[in-house]
């Protein structure tokens, strides 16, 4: 089994591999279906690669069900993170909210996740959709998740957070972990990752590879159309290629490769606990594991990349 580096996930004291697996690609449907056999092989390949953290959500179609079906018997090998606020006890309506933070919906979501994933607890449950403090407190969702924690059905509380609400979410002091988007070319949360870590929280970074560079592999190209009901691709306008070229990052990535360079750029952030990679392709997984094993970029290379990116307009602000 590969020896992946580990970091402590903030005050949780959980030791997690710096590379983690995002199970969205196991969702099925939406034109990117994978078979049960492929899902089983992929999940076991993740654990066999040494990755010890899996992130999922009730929003991810068949993902939780497949985790329970194919790797519940290996539960002691991985930290399990899911989400809440997804529509479980609420019927979706056209133009209606994608997440609802009432106690009934929070509890129904967690209970469903426990059943589907065949576990008595997820290690972390994160609020999905970056709700504001007012939304959490007004509807009782935060208290509901805290009650589930007291019942032993949830170990730690997390937040999948973004601007504009992320600074206030960090200041609340109740979240043990934050999932935050970040990459070399998507740097607006760069300083908030530091703030979350300094507040004692662990950090999951998403988009650190797939949103980090124009890919060498056409299967990973940026500028994909948004999934139905999903977020728009922030680089659909071709800005990834423009930023990359303006910063002359191919000069810095020479001998490393674009994907490995951008993944290792993300891993170099001192506030990072782990970065999530989502794929249904075992070859892509192996490439990411190899890059993660190489560790952070050399300090001088990292600083030069940030300097060039800032000059090109890809700034942390």
C-alpha atoms as a PDB file:
ATOM      1  CA  UNK A   1       0.000   0.000   0.000  1.00  0.00           C
ATOM      2  CA  UNK A   2       1.398   3.447  -0.899  1.00  0.00           C
ATOM      3  CA  UNK A   3       2.583   5.552   2.006  1.00  0.00           C
ATOM      4  CA  UNK A   4       0.638   8.797   1.693  1.00  0.00           C
ATOM      5  CA  UNK A   5       1.534  11.720   3.964  1.00  0.00           C
ATOM      6  CA  UNK A   6      -0.913  12.477   6.785  1.00  0.00           C
ATOM      7  CA  UNK A   7      -1.902  15.623   8.647  1.00  0.00           C
ATOM      8  CA  UNK A   8      -3.970  16.201  11.755  1.00  0.00           C
ATOM      9  CA  UNK A   9      -7.489  17.400  10.974  1.00  0.00           C
ATOM     10  CA  UNK A  10      -7.535  20.409  13.268  1.00  0.00           C
ATOM     11  CA  UNK A  11      -8.868  19.886  16.783  1.00  0.00           C
ATOM     12  CA  UNK A  12     -10.548  16.599  15.829  1.00  0.00           C
ATOM     13  CA  UNK A  13      -7.158  14.885  16.253  1.00  0.00           C
ATOM     14  CA  UNK A  14      -8.071  12.621  13.318  1.00  0.00           C
ATOM     15  CA  UNK A  15      -5.061  11.741  11.207  1.00  0.00           C
ATOM     16  CA  UNK A  16      -6.036  12.018   7.548  1.00  0.00           C
ATOM     17  CA  UNK A  17      -4.104  11.469   4.354  1.00  0.00           C
ATOM     18  CA  UNK A  18      -3.331  14.686   2.497  1.00  0.00           C
ATOM     19  CA  UNK A  19      -5.162  13.205  -0.493  1.00  0.00           C
ATOM     20  CA  UNK A  20      -8.807  12.253   0.049  1.00  0.00           C
ATOM     21  CA  UNK A  21     -11.533  10.891  -2.191  1.00  0.00           C
ATOM     22  CA  UNK A  22     -14.654  12.774  -3.228  1.00  0.00           C
ATOM     23  CA  UNK A  23     -17.341  10.244  -4.070  1.00  0.00           C
ATOM     24  CA  UNK A  24     -19.524  12.490  -6.258  1.00  0.00           C
ATOM     25  CA  UNK A  25     -18.435  10.594  -9.352  1.00  0.00           C
ATOM     26  CA  UNK A  26     -20.149   7.476  -7.956  1.00  0.00           C
ATOM     27  CA  UNK A  27     -23.549   9.188  -8.059  1.00  0.00           C
ATOM     28  CA  UNK A  28     -24.791   7.587 -11.295  1.00  0.00           C
ATOM     29  CA  UNK A  29     -27.006   9.205 -13.895  1.00  0.00           C
ATOM     30  CA  UNK A  30     -26.595  12.672 -15.374  1.00  0.00           C
ATOM     31  CA  UNK A  31     -24.857  11.226 -18.396  1.00  0.00           C
ATOM     32  CA  UNK A  32     -21.821   9.999 -16.412  1.00  0.00           C
ATOM     33  CA  UNK A  33     -23.057   6.688 -15.064  1.00  0.00           C
ATOM     34  CA  UNK A  34     -20.750   3.955 -13.874  1.00  0.00           C
ATOM     35  CA  UNK A  35     -21.696   0.350 -13.278  1.00  0.00           C
ATOM     36  CA  UNK A  36     -21.929  -1.332  -9.887  1.00  0.00           C
ATOM     37  CA  UNK A  37     -18.810  -3.313 -10.748  1.00  0.00           C
ATOM     38  CA  UNK A  38     -16.909  -0.113 -11.565  1.00  0.00           C
ATOM     39  CA  UNK A  39     -18.103   1.567  -8.361  1.00  0.00           C
ATOM     40  CA  UNK A  40     -17.000  -1.395  -6.252  1.00  0.00           C
ATOM     41  CA  UNK A  41     -13.606  -1.508  -7.936  1.00  0.00           C
ATOM     42  CA  UNK A  42     -13.134   2.249  -7.578  1.00  0.00           C
ATOM     43  CA  UNK A  43     -13.952   2.405  -3.865  1.00  0.00           C
ATOM     44  CA  UNK A  44     -11.685  -0.495  -3.047  1.00  0.00           C
ATOM     45  CA  UNK A  45      -8.925   1.003  -5.200  1.00  0.00           C
ATOM     46  CA  UNK A  46      -9.220   4.203  -3.153  1.00  0.00           C
ATOM     47  CA  UNK A  47      -8.632   2.332   0.107  1.00  0.00           C
ATOM     48  CA  UNK A  48      -5.953   0.104  -1.417  1.00  0.00           C
ATOM     49  CA  UNK A  49      -4.121   3.265  -2.545  1.00  0.00           C
ATOM     50  CA  UNK A  50      -3.722   4.336   1.089  1.00  0.00           C
ATOM     51  CA  UNK A  51      -6.330   7.137   1.072  1.00  0.00           C
ATOM     52  CA  UNK A  52      -8.137   7.136   4.423  1.00  0.00           C
ATOM     53  CA  UNK A  53     -10.797   9.839   3.994  1.00  0.00           C
ATOM     54  CA  UNK A  54     -13.936   9.650   1.855  1.00  0.00           C
ATOM     55  CA  UNK A  55     -16.259  12.626   1.357  1.00  0.00           C
ATOM     56  CA  UNK A  56     -19.811  12.200   0.101  1.00  0.00           C
ATOM     57  CA  UNK A  57     -23.319  13.656   0.349  1.00  0.00           C
ATOM     58  CA  UNK A  58     -26.991  12.698   0.078  1.00  0.00           C
ATOM     59  CA  UNK A  59     -26.960  15.000  -2.950  1.00  0.00           C
ATOM     60  CA  UNK A  60     -24.595  12.625  -4.754  1.00  0.00           C
ATOM     61  CA  UNK A  61     -27.162  10.146  -6.017  1.00  0.00           C
ATOM     62  CA  UNK A  62     -26.057   6.540  -5.447  1.00  0.00           C
ATOM     63  CA  UNK A  63     -22.794   7.522  -3.766  1.00  0.00           C
ATOM     64  CA  UNK A  64     -23.750   6.807  -0.143  1.00  0.00           C
ATOM     65  CA  UNK A  65     -25.556   3.610  -1.056  1.00  0.00           C
ATOM     66  CA  UNK A  66     -22.514   2.346  -2.942  1.00  0.00           C
ATOM     67  CA  UNK A  67     -20.180   3.204  -0.079  1.00  0.00           C
ATOM     68  CA  UNK A  68     -22.367   1.131   2.243  1.00  0.00           C
ATOM     69  CA  UNK A  69     -22.657  -1.726  -0.229  1.00  0.00           C
ATOM     70  CA  UNK A  70     -19.011  -2.068  -1.179  1.00  0.00           C
ATOM     71  CA  UNK A  71     -16.762  -0.873   1.642  1.00  0.00           C
ATOM     72  CA  UNK A  72     -18.825  -0.921   4.854  1.00  0.00           C
ATOM     73  CA  UNK A  73     -16.863  -4.044   5.784  1.00  0.00           C
ATOM     74  CA  UNK A  74     -13.683  -1.900   5.684  1.00  0.00           C
ATOM     75  CA  UNK A  75     -15.150   0.903   7.831  1.00  0.00           C
ATOM     76  CA  UNK A  76     -12.199   0.939  10.229  1.00  0.00           C
ATOM     77  CA  UNK A  77      -9.892   1.929   7.337  1.00  0.00           C
ATOM     78  CA  UNK A  78     -11.388   5.342   6.542  1.00  0.00           C
ATOM     79  CA  UNK A  79     -12.665   8.591   7.980  1.00  0.00           C
ATOM     80  CA  UNK A  80     -16.162   9.161   6.613  1.00  0.00           C
ATOM     81  CA  UNK A  81     -17.554  12.629   5.906  1.00  0.00           C
ATOM     82  CA  UNK A  82     -20.992  13.412   4.562  1.00  0.00           C
ATOM     83  CA  UNK A  83     -23.307  16.433   4.451  1.00  0.00           C
ATOM     84  CA  UNK A  84     -26.698  17.605   5.620  1.00  0.00           C
ATOM     85  CA  UNK A  85     -29.328  20.096   4.553  1.00  0.00           C
ATOM     86  CA  UNK A  86     -29.868  18.180   1.312  1.00  0.00           C
ATOM     87  CA  UNK A  87     -33.518  17.611   0.451  1.00  0.00           C
ATOM     88  CA  UNK A  88     -34.491  14.402   2.232  1.00  0.00           C
ATOM     89  CA  UNK A  89     -37.578  15.184   4.328  1.00  0.00           C
ATOM     90  CA  UNK A  90     -38.570  17.921   1.882  1.00  0.00           C
ATOM     91  CA  UNK A  91     -40.009  17.455  -1.592  1.00  0.00           C
ATOM     92  CA  UNK A  92     -37.984  19.378  -4.196  1.00  0.00           C
ATOM     93  CA  UNK A  93     -39.907  21.953  -6.179  1.00  0.00           C
ATOM     94  CA  UNK A  94     -39.074  23.747  -9.389  1.00  0.00           C
ATOM     95  CA  UNK A  95     -37.225  26.922  -8.486  1.00  0.00           C
ATOM     96  CA  UNK A  96     -37.250  25.971  -4.798  1.00  0.00           C
ATOM     97  CA  UNK A  97     -34.259  25.766  -2.442  1.00  0.00           C
ATOM     98  CA  UNK A  98     -31.695  23.018  -2.978  1.00  0.00           C
ATOM     99  CA  UNK A  99     -30.980  22.832   0.754  1.00  0.00           C
ATOM    100  CA  UNK A 100     -33.274  23.190   3.769  1.00  0.00           C
ATOM    101  CA  UNK A 101     -31.920  23.626   7.294  1.00  0.00           C
ATOM    102  CA  UNK A 102     -34.852  22.644   9.474  1.00  0.00           C
ATOM    103  CA  UNK A 103     -34.404  20.126  12.314  1.00  0.00           C
ATOM    104  CA  UNK A 104     -36.641  17.623  10.528  1.00  0.00           C
ATOM    105  CA  UNK A 105     -34.625  17.712   7.333  1.00  0.00           C
ATOM    106  CA  UNK A 106     -31.242  17.672   9.109  1.00  0.00           C
ATOM    107  CA  UNK A 107     -32.196  14.652  11.202  1.00  0.00           C
ATOM    108  CA  UNK A 108     -33.779  12.809   8.274  1.00  0.00           C
ATOM    109  CA  UNK A 109     -30.642  13.354   6.200  1.00  0.00           C
ATOM    110  CA  UNK A 110     -28.264  12.051   8.843  1.00  0.00           C
ATOM    111  CA  UNK A 111     -30.467   9.027   9.609  1.00  0.00           C
ATOM    112  CA  UNK A 112     -30.649   8.209   5.902  1.00  0.00           C
ATOM    113  CA  UNK A 113     -26.852   8.479   5.570  1.00  0.00           C
ATOM    114  CA  UNK A 114     -26.351   6.134   8.533  1.00  0.00           C
ATOM    115  CA  UNK A 115     -28.646   3.568   6.960  1.00  0.00           C
ATOM    116  CA  UNK A 116     -27.269   3.771   3.433  1.00  0.00           C
ATOM    117  CA  UNK A 117     -23.606   3.716   4.449  1.00  0.00           C
ATOM    118  CA  UNK A 118     -24.179   0.961   7.033  1.00  0.00           C
ATOM    119  CA  UNK A 119     -22.429   2.776   9.831  1.00  0.00           C
ATOM    120  CA  UNK A 120     -23.428   3.931  13.305  1.00  0.00           C
ATOM    121  CA  UNK A 121     -21.788   7.309  12.730  1.00  0.00           C
ATOM    122  CA  UNK A 122     -20.214   9.456  10.045  1.00  0.00           C
ATOM    123  CA  UNK A 123     -17.047  10.982  11.466  1.00  0.00           C
ATOM    124  CA  UNK A 124     -17.994  14.406  10.100  1.00  0.00           C
ATOM    125  CA  UNK A 125     -21.283  15.860   8.868  1.00  0.00           C
ATOM    126  CA  UNK A 126     -20.988  19.141   6.996  1.00  0.00           C
ATOM    127  CA  UNK A 127     -23.710  21.665   6.241  1.00  0.00           C
ATOM    128  CA  UNK A 128     -24.050  21.722   2.473  1.00  0.00           C
ATOM    129  CA  UNK A 129     -24.529  24.908   0.475  1.00  0.00           C
ATOM    130  CA  UNK A 130     -22.749  27.356   2.805  1.00  0.00           C
ATOM    131  CA  UNK A 131     -25.792  28.599   4.780  1.00  0.00           C
ATOM    132  CA  UNK A 132     -25.503  31.868   6.649  1.00  0.00           C
ATOM    133  CA  UNK A 133     -25.423  32.027  10.435  1.00  0.00           C
ATOM    134  CA  UNK A 134     -28.940  33.463  10.358  1.00  0.00           C
ATOM    135  CA  UNK A 135     -30.225  30.522   8.279  1.00  0.00           C
ATOM    136  CA  UNK A 136     -28.676  27.995  10.652  1.00  0.00           C
ATOM    137  CA  UNK A 137     -29.991  29.627  13.798  1.00  0.00           C
ATOM    138  CA  UNK A 138     -33.379  30.758  12.516  1.00  0.00           C
ATOM    139  CA  UNK A 139     -34.461  27.332  11.276  1.00  0.00           C
ATOM    140  CA  UNK A 140     -32.840  25.281  14.059  1.00  0.00           C
ATOM    141  CA  UNK A 141     -30.511  23.302  11.813  1.00  0.00           C
ATOM    142  CA  UNK A 142     -27.380  23.928  13.841  1.00  0.00           C
ATOM    143  CA  UNK A 143     -29.008  22.826  17.084  1.00  0.00           C
ATOM    144  CA  UNK A 144     -30.360  19.736  15.353  1.00  0.00           C
ATOM    145  CA  UNK A 145     -26.885  18.675  14.242  1.00  0.00           C
ATOM    146  CA  UNK A 146     -25.496  19.387  17.699  1.00  0.00           C
ATOM    147  CA  UNK A 147     -28.251  17.205  19.177  1.00  0.00           C
ATOM    148  CA  UNK A 148     -27.269  14.380  16.838  1.00  0.00           C
ATOM    149  CA  UNK A 149     -23.682  14.815  17.976  1.00  0.00           C
ATOM    150  CA  UNK A 150     -24.790  14.497  21.602  1.00  0.00           C
ATOM    151  CA  UNK A 151     -26.618  11.290  20.661  1.00  0.00           C
ATOM    152  CA  UNK A 152     -23.382   9.865  19.237  1.00  0.00           C
ATOM    153  CA  UNK A 153     -24.665   9.719  15.661  1.00  0.00           C
ATOM    154  CA  UNK A 154     -22.190  12.384  14.486  1.00  0.00           C
ATOM    155  CA  UNK A 155     -18.650  12.805  15.797  1.00  0.00           C
ATOM    156  CA  UNK A 156     -17.706  16.233  14.447  1.00  0.00           C
ATOM    157  CA  UNK A 157     -19.504  19.192  12.884  1.00  0.00           C
ATOM    158  CA  UNK A 158     -18.389  20.617   9.558  1.00  0.00           C
ATOM    159  CA  UNK A 159     -19.295  23.281   7.033  1.00  0.00           C
ATOM    160  CA  UNK A 160     -18.962  23.278   3.268  1.00  0.00           C
ATOM    161  CA  UNK A 161     -18.364  27.011   3.213  1.00  0.00           C
ATOM    162  CA  UNK A 162     -17.701  29.739   0.701  1.00  0.00           C
ATOM    163  CA  UNK A 163     -17.790  33.500   0.488  1.00  0.00           C
ATOM    164  CA  UNK A 164     -19.655  35.567   1.518  1.00  0.00           C
ATOM    165  CA  UNK A 165     -20.607  33.525   4.608  1.00  0.00           C
ATOM    166  CA  UNK A 166     -17.322  31.726   5.329  1.00  0.00           C
ATOM    167  CA  UNK A 167     -15.728  34.402   7.565  1.00  0.00           C
ATOM    168  CA  UNK A 168     -18.792  34.444   9.836  1.00  0.00           C
ATOM    169  CA  UNK A 169     -18.964  30.645   9.850  1.00  0.00           C
ATOM    170  CA  UNK A 170     -15.355  30.490  11.056  1.00  0.00           C
ATOM    171  CA  UNK A 171     -16.052  33.146  13.712  1.00  0.00           C
ATOM    172  CA  UNK A 172     -18.939  31.084  15.123  1.00  0.00           C
ATOM    173  CA  UNK A 173     -16.369  28.693  16.581  1.00  0.00           C
ATOM    174  CA  UNK A 174     -18.650  25.634  16.435  1.00  0.00           C
ATOM    175  CA  UNK A 175     -17.325  23.901  13.334  1.00  0.00           C
ATOM    176  CA  UNK A 176     -14.514  21.374  13.599  1.00  0.00           C
ATOM    177  CA  UNK A 177     -13.898  21.283   9.852  1.00  0.00           C
ATOM    178  CA  UNK A 178     -14.454  23.387   6.758  1.00  0.00           C
ATOM    179  CA  UNK A 179     -14.626  22.273   3.139  1.00  0.00           C
ATOM    180  CA  UNK A 180     -13.369  25.140   0.994  1.00  0.00           C
ATOM    181  CA  UNK A 181     -12.773  25.530  -2.766  1.00  0.00           C
ATOM    182  CA  UNK A 182      -9.201  26.413  -3.683  1.00  0.00           C
ATOM    183  CA  UNK A 183      -6.669  25.924  -6.433  1.00  0.00           C
ATOM    184  CA  UNK A 184      -3.802  27.765  -8.057  1.00  0.00           C
ATOM    185  CA  UNK A 185      -6.264  29.585 -10.299  1.00  0.00           C
ATOM    186  CA  UNK A 186      -9.165  29.817  -7.833  1.00  0.00           C
ATOM    187  CA  UNK A 187      -7.546  31.652  -4.936  1.00  0.00           C
ATOM    188  CA  UNK A 188     -10.291  33.827  -3.452  1.00  0.00           C
ATOM    189  CA  UNK A 189     -10.470  31.649  -0.311  1.00  0.00           C
ATOM    190  CA  UNK A 190      -6.705  31.370   0.160  1.00  0.00           C
ATOM    191  CA  UNK A 191      -6.512  33.535   3.282  1.00  0.00           C
ATOM    192  CA  UNK A 192      -9.691  32.038   4.745  1.00  0.00           C
ATOM    193  CA  UNK A 193      -8.116  28.581   4.685  1.00  0.00           C
ATOM    194  CA  UNK A 194      -5.424  30.044   6.925  1.00  0.00           C
ATOM    195  CA  UNK A 195      -8.066  31.654   9.141  1.00  0.00           C
ATOM    196  CA  UNK A 196      -9.946  28.374   9.546  1.00  0.00           C
ATOM    197  CA  UNK A 197      -6.765  26.494  10.444  1.00  0.00           C
ATOM    198  CA  UNK A 198      -5.707  29.179  12.929  1.00  0.00           C
ATOM    199  CA  UNK A 199      -9.135  28.869  14.557  1.00  0.00           C
ATOM    200  CA  UNK A 200      -8.370  25.191  15.200  1.00  0.00           C
ATOM    201  CA  UNK A 201     -10.512  23.682  12.439  1.00  0.00           C
ATOM    202  CA  UNK A 202      -9.465  21.074   9.927  1.00  0.00           C
ATOM    203  CA  UNK A 203      -9.741  21.890   6.232  1.00  0.00           C
ATOM    204  CA  UNK A 204     -10.891  19.850   3.253  1.00  0.00           C
ATOM    205  CA  UNK A 205      -9.875  21.560   0.003  1.00  0.00           C
ATOM    206  CA  UNK A 206     -11.968  20.807  -3.053  1.00  0.00           C
ATOM    207  CA  UNK A 207     -11.103  21.601  -6.663  1.00  0.00           C
ATOM    208  CA  UNK A 208      -7.372  21.552  -5.996  1.00  0.00           C
ATOM    209  CA  UNK A 209      -6.568  19.560  -9.113  1.00  0.00           C
ATOM    210  CA  UNK A 210      -9.533  19.562 -11.496  1.00  0.00           C
ATOM    211  CA  UNK A 211     -10.028  23.313 -11.090  1.00  0.00           C
ATOM    212  CA  UNK A 212      -6.347  24.056 -10.930  1.00  0.00           C
ATOM    213  CA  UNK A 213      -5.119  24.082 -14.497  1.00  0.00           C
ATOM    214  CA  UNK A 214      -5.963  23.417 -18.104  1.00  0.00           C
ATOM    215  CA  UNK A 215      -5.438  19.674 -18.185  1.00  0.00           C
ATOM    216  CA  UNK A 216      -3.083  17.625 -20.277  1.00  0.00           C
ATOM    217  CA  UNK A 217      -5.867  15.042 -20.450  1.00  0.00           C
ATOM    218  CA  UNK A 218      -8.898  16.071 -22.508  1.00  0.00           C
ATOM    219  CA  UNK A 219     -11.074  14.025 -20.145  1.00  0.00           C
ATOM    220  CA  UNK A 220     -10.234  16.539 -17.438  1.00  0.00           C
ATOM    221  CA  UNK A 221     -10.678  19.681 -19.535  1.00  0.00           C
ATOM    222  CA  UNK A 222     -12.115  22.700 -17.795  1.00  0.00           C
ATOM    223  CA  UNK A 223     -14.984  24.642 -19.274  1.00  0.00           C
ATOM    224  CA  UNK A 224     -17.401  21.737 -18.963  1.00  0.00           C
ATOM    225  CA  UNK A 225     -21.103  22.681 -18.987  1.00  0.00           C
ATOM    226  CA  UNK A 226     -22.723  22.764 -15.576  1.00  0.00           C
ATOM    227  CA  UNK A 227     -24.560  19.650 -14.418  1.00  0.00           C
ATOM    228  CA  UNK A 228     -28.331  20.071 -14.208  1.00  0.00           C
ATOM    229  CA  UNK A 229     -28.961  21.699 -10.856  1.00  0.00           C
ATOM    230  CA  UNK A 230     -25.244  21.912 -10.157  1.00  0.00           C
ATOM    231  CA  UNK A 231     -22.889  24.865  -9.880  1.00  0.00           C
ATOM    232  CA  UNK A 232     -21.530  26.502 -12.979  1.00  0.00           C
ATOM    233  CA  UNK A 233     -17.932  25.808 -13.894  1.00  0.00           C
ATOM    234  CA  UNK A 234     -16.012  28.916 -12.811  1.00  0.00           C
ATOM    235  CA  UNK A 235     -13.642  28.476 -15.749  1.00  0.00           C
ATOM    236  CA  UNK A 236     -16.240  27.914 -18.445  1.00  0.00           C
ATOM    237  CA  UNK A 237     -15.200  31.212 -20.004  1.00  0.00           C
ATOM    238  CA  UNK A 238     -11.687  29.929 -20.689  1.00  0.00           C
ATOM    239  CA  UNK A 239     -10.072  31.983 -17.910  1.00  0.00           C
ATOM    240  CA  UNK A 240      -8.093  28.982 -16.669  1.00  0.00           C
ATOM    241  CA  UNK A 241      -6.091  28.847 -19.874  1.00  0.00           C
ATOM    242  CA  UNK A 242      -5.621  32.614 -19.874  1.00  0.00           C
ATOM    243  CA  UNK A 243      -4.410  32.773 -16.267  1.00  0.00           C
ATOM    244  CA  UNK A 244      -2.142  29.778 -16.773  1.00  0.00           C
ATOM    245  CA  UNK A 245      -0.554  31.245 -19.883  1.00  0.00           C
ATOM    246  CA  UNK A 246      -0.270  34.785 -18.467  1.00  0.00           C
ATOM    247  CA  UNK A 247       1.561  33.453 -15.399  1.00  0.00           C
ATOM    248  CA  UNK A 248       3.782  31.273 -17.606  1.00  0.00           C
ATOM    249  CA  UNK A 249       3.178  28.354 -15.280  1.00  0.00           C
ATOM    250  CA  UNK A 250       4.302  25.816 -17.855  1.00  0.00           C
ATOM    251  CA  UNK A 251       7.830  27.089 -17.170  1.00  0.00           C
ATOM    252  CA  UNK A 252       7.427  26.262 -13.484  1.00  0.00           C
ATOM    253  CA  UNK A 253       5.640  22.973 -14.140  1.00  0.00           C
ATOM    254  CA  UNK A 254       8.316  21.698 -16.514  1.00  0.00           C
ATOM    255  CA  UNK A 255       9.319  18.205 -15.492  1.00  0.00           C
ATOM    256  CA  UNK A 256       6.349  17.985 -13.097  1.00  0.00           C
ATOM    257  CA  UNK A 257       3.281  18.187 -15.328  1.00  0.00           C
ATOM    258  CA  UNK A 258       0.264  20.433 -15.079  1.00  0.00           C
ATOM    259  CA  UNK A 259      -1.928  18.155 -12.976  1.00  0.00           C
ATOM    260  CA  UNK A 260       0.835  17.243 -10.533  1.00  0.00           C
ATOM    261  CA  UNK A 261       1.986  20.851 -10.300  1.00  0.00           C
ATOM    262  CA  UNK A 262      -1.461  22.191  -9.459  1.00  0.00           C
ATOM    263  CA  UNK A 263      -2.229  19.422  -6.986  1.00  0.00           C
ATOM    264  CA  UNK A 264       1.095  19.968  -5.241  1.00  0.00           C
ATOM    265  CA  UNK A 265       0.483  23.748  -5.273  1.00  0.00           C
ATOM    266  CA  UNK A 266      -2.693  23.080  -3.300  1.00  0.00           C
ATOM    267  CA  UNK A 267      -0.896  20.705  -0.934  1.00  0.00           C
ATOM    268  CA  UNK A 268       1.681  23.409  -0.197  1.00  0.00           C
ATOM    269  CA  UNK A 269      -0.884  25.667   1.500  1.00  0.00           C
ATOM    270  CA  UNK A 270       0.123  25.472   5.194  1.00  0.00           C
ATOM    271  CA  UNK A 271      -3.505  25.576   6.358  1.00  0.00           C
ATOM    272  CA  UNK A 272      -4.551  22.498   4.369  1.00  0.00           C
ATOM    273  CA  UNK A 273      -5.417  19.223   6.076  1.00  0.00           C
ATOM    274  CA  UNK A 274      -6.416  17.291   2.961  1.00  0.00           C
ATOM    275  CA  UNK A 275      -7.391  17.905  -0.649  1.00  0.00           C
ATOM    276  CA  UNK A 276     -10.286  16.063  -2.273  1.00  0.00           C
ATOM    277  CA  UNK A 277      -9.961  14.416  -5.660  1.00  0.00           C
ATOM    278  CA  UNK A 278     -13.043  12.990  -7.338  1.00  0.00           C
ATOM    279  CA  UNK A 279     -12.711  10.527 -10.184  1.00  0.00           C
ATOM    280  CA  UNK A 280     -14.190   7.295 -11.476  1.00  0.00           C
ATOM    281  CA  UNK A 281     -10.998   6.513 -13.401  1.00  0.00           C
ATOM    282  CA  UNK A 282      -8.430   4.326 -11.576  1.00  0.00           C
ATOM    283  CA  UNK A 283      -5.626   5.710 -13.762  1.00  0.00           C
ATOM    284  CA  UNK A 284      -6.440   9.275 -12.698  1.00  0.00           C
ATOM    285  CA  UNK A 285      -6.522   8.146  -9.073  1.00  0.00           C
ATOM    286  CA  UNK A 286      -3.071   6.574  -9.417  1.00  0.00           C
ATOM    287  CA  UNK A 287      -1.689   9.787 -10.959  1.00  0.00           C
ATOM    288  CA  UNK A 288      -3.050  11.845  -8.073  1.00  0.00           C
ATOM    289  CA  UNK A 289      -1.632   9.445  -5.496  1.00  0.00           C
ATOM    290  CA  UNK A 290       1.781   9.686  -7.156  1.00  0.00           C
ATOM    291  CA  UNK A 291       1.619  13.493  -7.100  1.00  0.00           C
ATOM    292  CA  UNK A 292       0.546  13.553  -3.457  1.00  0.00           C
ATOM    293  CA  UNK A 293       3.397  11.241  -2.506  1.00  0.00           C
ATOM    294  CA  UNK A 294       5.801  13.820  -3.949  1.00  0.00           C
ATOM    295  CA  UNK A 295       4.490  16.269  -1.353  1.00  0.00           C
ATOM    296  CA  UNK A 296       4.333  20.072  -1.385  1.00  0.00           C
ATOM    297  CA  UNK A 297       6.213  22.155  -3.920  1.00  0.00           C
ATOM    298  CA  UNK A 298       9.591  23.573  -2.890  1.00  0.00           C
ATOM    299  CA  UNK A 299       9.023  26.838  -1.021  1.00  0.00           C
ATOM    300  CA  UNK A 300      10.730  29.025  -3.630  1.00  0.00           C
ATOM    301  CA  UNK A 301       8.708  27.457  -6.469  1.00  0.00           C
ATOM    302  CA  UNK A 302       5.450  27.959  -4.559  1.00  0.00           C
ATOM    303  CA  UNK A 303       6.194  31.611  -3.834  1.00  0.00           C
ATOM    304  CA  UNK A 304       7.182  32.270  -7.436  1.00  0.00           C
ATOM    305  CA  UNK A 305       3.976  30.645  -8.667  1.00  0.00           C
ATOM    306  CA  UNK A 306       1.893  32.827  -6.337  1.00  0.00           C
ATOM    307  CA  UNK A 307       3.795  35.935  -7.424  1.00  0.00           C
ATOM    308  CA  UNK A 308       3.182  35.197 -11.094  1.00  0.00           C
ATOM    309  CA  UNK A 309      -0.471  34.334 -10.526  1.00  0.00           C
ATOM    310  CA  UNK A 310      -1.085  37.543  -8.615  1.00  0.00           C
ATOM    311  CA  UNK A 311       0.575  39.542 -11.391  1.00  0.00           C
ATOM    312  CA  UNK A 312      -1.665  37.745 -13.903  1.00  0.00           C
ATOM    313  CA  UNK A 313      -4.783  38.661 -11.932  1.00  0.00           C
ATOM    314  CA  UNK A 314      -5.429  35.326 -10.173  1.00  0.00           C
ATOM    315  CA  UNK A 315      -5.339  36.870  -6.702  1.00  0.00           C
ATOM    316  CA  UNK A 316      -6.442  35.677  -3.252  1.00  0.00           C
ATOM    317  CA  UNK A 317      -8.957  38.535  -2.976  1.00  0.00           C
END
